[in-house]
Amino acid sequence: MTYAGSPARLLNSIVIPLFQQEHPGVKVQVLSYPFTSYLEKEMTVLEAGSSQYDIV
């Protein structure tokens, strides 16, 4: 998911626990980057063939 601001923090605090409850064994890790460096970080990880992300 991509979103920003205070609503994002509230949404994460509600949605992630519910998702993990419905999917035992799945751990959700939220990575947050400033928008100005987001694309550079994404491209670096993806070009390296990293398995860091399951969902982008």
N, C-alpha and C. Protein backbone atom coordinates (compact mmCIF):
# COMPACT_ATOMS: atom_id res chain seq x y z
N MET A 1 0.84 -1.17 0.00
CA MET A 1 0.00 0.00 0.00
C MET A 1 0.88 1.23 0.00
N THR A 2 0.43 2.26 -0.66
CA THR A 2 1.14 3.52 -0.66
C THR A 2 0.20 4.61 -0.19
N TYR A 3 0.59 5.29 0.85
CA TYR A 3 -0.19 6.40 1.36
C TYR A 3 0.71 7.16 2.33
N ALA A 4 0.26 8.32 2.78
CA ALA A 4 1.11 9.14 3.64
C ALA A 4 0.30 9.87 4.70
N GLY A 5 1.01 10.34 5.70
CA GLY A 5 0.41 11.19 6.71
C GLY A 5 -0.14 10.44 7.91
N SER A 6 -0.76 11.18 8.80
CA SER A 6 -1.31 10.61 10.03
C SER A 6 -2.33 9.51 9.79
N PRO A 7 -3.20 9.64 8.78
CA PRO A 7 -4.14 8.53 8.53
C PRO A 7 -3.41 7.21 8.25
N ALA A 8 -2.24 7.29 7.67
CA ALA A 8 -1.48 6.07 7.37
C ALA A 8 -1.09 5.35 8.66
N ARG A 9 -0.62 6.09 9.63
CA ARG A 9 -0.23 5.47 10.91
C ARG A 9 -1.43 4.83 11.59
N LEU A 10 -2.55 5.51 11.58
CA LEU A 10 -3.77 4.94 12.17
C LEU A 10 -4.20 3.69 11.41
N LEU A 11 -4.19 3.75 10.09
CA LEU A 11 -4.56 2.60 9.28
C LEU A 11 -3.65 1.42 9.56
N ASN A 12 -2.34 1.66 9.63
CA ASN A 12 -1.40 0.58 9.94
C ASN A 12 -1.70 -0.05 11.29
N SER A 13 -2.03 0.77 12.28
CA SER A 13 -2.26 0.24 13.62
C SER A 13 -3.53 -0.61 13.70
N ILE A 14 -4.42 -0.45 12.74
CA ILE A 14 -5.66 -1.23 12.71
C ILE A 14 -5.55 -2.41 11.75
N VAL A 15 -5.11 -2.13 10.54
CA VAL A 15 -5.14 -3.13 9.46
C VAL A 15 -4.10 -4.23 9.66
N ILE A 16 -2.89 -3.88 10.05
CA ILE A 16 -1.83 -4.89 10.15
C ILE A 16 -2.16 -5.96 11.19
N PRO A 17 -2.56 -5.61 12.42
CA PRO A 17 -2.92 -6.67 13.37
C PRO A 17 -4.08 -7.55 12.88
N LEU A 18 -5.07 -6.95 12.24
CA LEU A 18 -6.18 -7.74 11.72
C LEU A 18 -5.71 -8.69 10.62
N PHE A 19 -4.86 -8.21 9.72
CA PHE A 19 -4.34 -9.05 8.65
C PHE A 19 -3.54 -10.21 9.22
N GLN A 20 -2.65 -9.91 10.18
CA GLN A 20 -1.82 -10.96 10.77
C GLN A 20 -2.66 -11.96 11.56
N GLN A 21 -3.74 -11.52 12.15
CA GLN A 21 -4.64 -12.43 12.86
C GLN A 21 -5.31 -13.38 11.87
N GLU A 22 -5.69 -12.88 10.72
CA GLU A 22 -6.33 -13.71 9.70
C GLU A 22 -5.34 -14.60 8.96
N HIS A 23 -4.06 -14.27 9.02
CA HIS A 23 -3.02 -15.01 8.29
C HIS A 23 -1.89 -15.36 9.25
N PRO A 24 -2.12 -16.33 10.14
CA PRO A 24 -1.08 -16.72 11.09
C PRO A 24 0.20 -17.12 10.35
N GLY A 25 1.31 -16.74 10.88
CA GLY A 25 2.59 -17.07 10.26
C GLY A 25 3.08 -16.03 9.27
N VAL A 26 2.23 -15.06 8.94
CA VAL A 26 2.64 -13.98 8.03
C VAL A 26 2.96 -12.77 8.88
N LYS A 27 4.17 -12.24 8.70
CA LYS A 27 4.58 -11.05 9.44
C LYS A 27 4.61 -9.87 8.48
N VAL A 28 3.96 -8.79 8.85
CA VAL A 28 3.94 -7.57 8.05
C VAL A 28 4.97 -6.61 8.64
N GLN A 29 5.87 -6.16 7.79
CA GLN A 29 6.85 -5.16 8.20
C GLN A 29 6.64 -3.93 7.32
N VAL A 30 6.39 -2.81 7.93
CA VAL A 30 6.16 -1.57 7.19
C VAL A 30 7.49 -0.85 7.04
N LEU A 31 7.83 -0.52 5.81
CA LEU A 31 9.02 0.27 5.53
C LEU A 31 8.56 1.64 5.07
N SER A 32 9.07 2.65 5.71
CA SER A 32 8.63 4.00 5.42
C SER A 32 9.83 4.84 4.98
N TYR A 33 9.70 5.49 3.84
CA TYR A 33 10.76 6.34 3.31
C TYR A 33 10.19 7.70 2.97
N PRO A 34 11.02 8.75 3.08
CA PRO A 34 10.59 10.04 2.57
C PRO A 34 10.37 9.93 1.06
N PHE A 35 9.37 10.61 0.55
CA PHE A 35 9.04 10.51 -0.86
C PHE A 35 10.23 10.83 -1.75
N THR A 36 11.07 11.77 -1.33
CA THR A 36 12.20 12.19 -2.16
C THR A 36 13.21 11.08 -2.40
N SER A 37 13.28 10.08 -1.52
CA SER A 37 14.24 8.99 -1.72
C SER A 37 13.56 7.66 -2.01
N TYR A 38 12.24 7.64 -2.05
CA TYR A 38 11.49 6.40 -2.21
C TYR A 38 11.85 5.64 -3.48
N LEU A 39 11.77 6.31 -4.63
CA LEU A 39 12.02 5.63 -5.90
C LEU A 39 13.45 5.12 -6.00
N GLU A 40 14.40 5.90 -5.53
CA GLU A 40 15.80 5.47 -5.57
C GLU A 40 16.00 4.20 -4.73
N LYS A 41 15.43 4.17 -3.54
CA LYS A 41 15.56 2.99 -2.68
C LYS A 41 14.87 1.77 -3.30
N GLU A 42 13.68 1.97 -3.84
CA GLU A 42 12.96 0.87 -4.48
C GLU A 42 13.76 0.29 -5.64
N MET A 43 14.25 1.15 -6.51
CA MET A 43 14.99 0.69 -7.69
C MET A 43 16.27 -0.03 -7.28
N THR A 44 16.97 0.46 -6.28
CA THR A 44 18.20 -0.17 -5.82
C THR A 44 17.93 -1.59 -5.33
N VAL A 45 16.90 -1.76 -4.52
CA VAL A 45 16.56 -3.08 -3.97
C VAL A 45 16.10 -4.02 -5.08
N LEU A 46 15.24 -3.54 -5.96
CA LEU A 46 14.71 -4.38 -7.03
C LEU A 46 15.78 -4.76 -8.04
N GLU A 47 16.65 -3.82 -8.40
CA GLU A 47 17.72 -4.12 -9.36
C GLU A 47 18.73 -5.11 -8.78
N ALA A 48 18.90 -5.11 -7.47
CA ALA A 48 19.83 -6.03 -6.83
C ALA A 48 19.26 -7.44 -6.73
N GLY A 49 17.98 -7.59 -7.07
CA GLY A 49 17.35 -8.91 -6.99
C GLY A 49 17.06 -9.33 -5.56
N SER A 50 16.97 -8.38 -4.67
CA SER A 50 16.72 -8.66 -3.26
C SER A 50 15.33 -9.26 -3.07
N SER A 51 15.22 -10.09 -2.06
CA SER A 51 13.91 -10.64 -1.70
C SER A 51 13.31 -9.86 -0.53
N GLN A 52 13.80 -8.64 -0.33
CA GLN A 52 13.35 -7.82 0.79
C GLN A 52 11.85 -7.56 0.73
N TYR A 53 11.32 -7.41 -0.49
CA TYR A 53 9.91 -7.08 -0.63
C TYR A 53 9.14 -8.26 -1.21
N ASP A 54 8.01 -8.56 -0.61
CA ASP A 54 7.06 -9.48 -1.20
C ASP A 54 6.03 -8.69 -1.98
N ILE A 55 5.68 -7.52 -1.44
CA ILE A 55 4.68 -6.65 -2.06
C ILE A 55 5.25 -5.24 -2.07
N VAL A 56 5.12 -4.59 -3.21
CA VAL A 56 5.58 -3.20 -3.32
C VAL A 56 4.38 -2.33 -3.58
